[in-house]
Amino acid sequence: MGDIPTTTDHWLCVRSKESTTTGERPLLRLTYYVDATRPSLSSINPVNNEIGVAVNAKLFMYFSENIFATTGYNISIRKLVD
């Protein structure tokens, strides 16, 4: 197994109590997966170019996979013309 990539934040907290006998010490096996495929936007509601949408209507965005909030990334919503 190689090193965990440094391009993504990872948190790992492991606590164990050491035994004086080597054979009784806990074994830690760590398996991880790095998802290199970014989620894509599957659909939005209200749909693009929908007419008569209230100014305070909620925008729902659906993605190809589950996404999680994180710091440092933003979604910008702008008018196309100005």
C-alpha atoms as a PDB file:
ATOM      1  CA  MET A   1       0.000   0.000   0.000  1.00  0.00           C
ATOM      2  CA  GLY A   2       1.338   3.423  -0.931  1.00  0.00           C
ATOM      3  CA  ASP A   3       1.220   6.731   0.886  1.00  0.00           C
ATOM      4  CA  ILE A   4      -2.093   8.543   1.335  1.00  0.00           C
ATOM      5  CA  PRO A   5      -2.212  11.354  -1.278  1.00  0.00           C
ATOM      6  CA  THR A   6      -1.416  14.818   0.064  1.00  0.00           C
ATOM      7  CA  THR A   7      -3.927  16.565  -2.230  1.00  0.00           C
ATOM      8  CA  THR A   8      -6.887  15.756   0.038  1.00  0.00           C
ATOM      9  CA  ASP A   9      -7.397  16.239   3.769  1.00  0.00           C
ATOM     10  CA  HIS A  10      -7.500  13.005   5.750  1.00  0.00           C
ATOM     11  CA  TRP A  11      -8.192  12.491   9.436  1.00  0.00           C
ATOM     12  CA  LEU A  12      -7.268   9.333  11.259  1.00  0.00           C
ATOM     13  CA  CYS A  13      -7.308   8.919  15.013  1.00  0.00           C
ATOM     14  CA  VAL A  14      -6.138   5.593  16.438  1.00  0.00           C
ATOM     15  CA  ARG A  15      -5.846   4.824  20.122  1.00  0.00           C
ATOM     16  CA  SER A  16      -4.593   1.578  21.553  1.00  0.00           C
ATOM     17  CA  LYS A  17      -3.126   0.310  24.757  1.00  0.00           C
ATOM     18  CA  GLU A  18       0.273  -1.281  24.260  1.00  0.00           C
ATOM     19  CA  SER A  19       0.791  -4.728  25.692  1.00  0.00           C
ATOM     20  CA  THR A  20       4.138  -5.722  27.090  1.00  0.00           C
ATOM     21  CA  THR A  21       3.970  -8.899  24.986  1.00  0.00           C
ATOM     22  CA  THR A  22       4.507  -8.377  21.247  1.00  0.00           C
ATOM     23  CA  GLY A  23       2.011 -11.086  20.260  1.00  0.00           C
ATOM     24  CA  GLU A  24      -0.761  -9.370  22.219  1.00  0.00           C
ATOM     25  CA  ARG A  25      -0.346  -5.962  20.604  1.00  0.00           C
ATOM     26  CA  PRO A  26      -3.239  -4.835  18.382  1.00  0.00           C
ATOM     27  CA  LEU A  27      -2.852  -5.004  14.614  1.00  0.00           C
ATOM     28  CA  LEU A  28      -4.066  -2.034  12.623  1.00  0.00           C
ATOM     29  CA  ARG A  29      -5.010  -2.657   9.010  1.00  0.00           C
ATOM     30  CA  LEU A  30      -6.110   0.438   7.115  1.00  0.00           C
ATOM     31  CA  THR A  31      -7.881   0.205   3.782  1.00  0.00           C
ATOM     32  CA  TYR A  32      -8.854   3.356   1.946  1.00  0.00           C
ATOM     33  CA  TYR A  33     -10.168   4.372  -1.459  1.00  0.00           C
ATOM     34  CA  VAL A  34      -9.523   7.631  -3.267  1.00  0.00           C
ATOM     35  CA  ASP A  35     -12.430   8.637  -5.498  1.00  0.00           C
ATOM     36  CA  ALA A  36     -10.785  10.376  -8.452  1.00  0.00           C
ATOM     37  CA  THR A  37     -14.069  10.943 -10.321  1.00  0.00           C
ATOM     38  CA  ARG A  38     -15.808  14.177  -9.430  1.00  0.00           C
ATOM     39  CA  PRO A  39     -19.580  14.074  -9.005  1.00  0.00           C
ATOM     40  CA  SER A  40     -21.547  15.646 -11.841  1.00  0.00           C
ATOM     41  CA  LEU A  41     -24.742  17.663 -11.677  1.00  0.00           C
ATOM     42  CA  SER A  42     -27.619  15.331 -12.665  1.00  0.00           C
ATOM     43  CA  SER A  43     -30.517  17.787 -12.498  1.00  0.00           C
ATOM     44  CA  ILE A  44     -31.722  21.011 -10.934  1.00  0.00           C
ATOM     45  CA  ASN A  45     -35.129  22.227  -9.801  1.00  0.00           C
ATOM     46  CA  PRO A  46     -36.440  24.682 -10.926  1.00  0.00           C
ATOM     47  CA  VAL A  47     -35.154  23.649 -14.334  1.00  0.00           C
ATOM     48  CA  ASN A  48     -32.983  25.865 -16.488  1.00  0.00           C
ATOM     49  CA  ASN A  49     -34.894  28.730 -18.215  1.00  0.00           C
ATOM     50  CA  GLU A  50     -38.080  28.060 -16.245  1.00  0.00           C
ATOM     51  CA  ILE A  51     -40.455  31.041 -16.355  1.00  0.00           C
ATOM     52  CA  GLY A  52     -42.367  32.447 -13.376  1.00  0.00           C
ATOM     53  CA  VAL A  53     -40.068  31.203 -10.622  1.00  0.00           C
ATOM     54  CA  ALA A  54     -40.412  33.202  -7.414  1.00  0.00           C
ATOM     55  CA  VAL A  55     -37.360  35.245  -6.418  1.00  0.00           C
ATOM     56  CA  ASN A  56     -37.244  33.451  -3.046  1.00  0.00           C
ATOM     57  CA  ALA A  57     -37.780  29.933  -4.501  1.00  0.00           C
ATOM     58  CA  LYS A  58     -35.390  27.256  -3.234  1.00  0.00           C
ATOM     59  CA  LEU A  59     -32.902  25.776  -5.669  1.00  0.00           C
ATOM     60  CA  PHE A  60     -32.408  22.002  -5.495  1.00  0.00           C
ATOM     61  CA  MET A  61     -29.341  20.426  -7.076  1.00  0.00           C
ATOM     62  CA  TYR A  62     -29.010  16.671  -7.603  1.00  0.00           C
ATOM     63  CA  PHE A  63     -25.630  15.031  -8.189  1.00  0.00           C
ATOM     64  CA  SER A  64     -24.459  11.715  -9.629  1.00  0.00           C
ATOM     65  CA  GLU A  65     -23.265  10.623  -6.166  1.00  0.00           C
ATOM     66  CA  ASN A  66     -23.498  11.734  -2.546  1.00  0.00           C
ATOM     67  CA  ILE A  67     -21.577  14.916  -1.820  1.00  0.00           C
ATOM     68  CA  PHE A  68     -20.452  16.376   1.494  1.00  0.00           C
ATOM     69  CA  ALA A  69     -19.950  19.967   2.586  1.00  0.00           C
ATOM     70  CA  THR A  70     -16.364  21.091   2.924  1.00  0.00           C
ATOM     71  CA  THR A  71     -14.502  24.360   3.251  1.00  0.00           C
ATOM     72  CA  GLY A  72     -12.707  26.036   0.373  1.00  0.00           C
ATOM     73  CA  TYR A  73     -15.222  25.178  -2.356  1.00  0.00           C
ATOM     74  CA  ASN A  74     -18.150  27.371  -3.407  1.00  0.00           C
ATOM     75  CA  ILE A  75     -21.101  27.210  -5.764  1.00  0.00           C
ATOM     76  CA  SER A  76     -21.713  30.468  -7.634  1.00  0.00           C
ATOM     77  CA  ILE A  77     -25.135  31.277  -9.089  1.00  0.00           C
ATOM     78  CA  ARG A  78     -25.181  34.118 -11.624  1.00  0.00           C
ATOM     79  CA  LYS A  79     -27.343  35.571 -14.355  1.00  0.00           C
ATOM     80  CA  LEU A  80     -26.019  34.518 -17.732  1.00  0.00           C
ATOM     81  CA  VAL A  81     -26.447  37.918 -19.389  1.00  0.00           C
ATOM     82  CA  ASP A  82     -24.881  40.225 -16.819  1.00  0.00           C
END
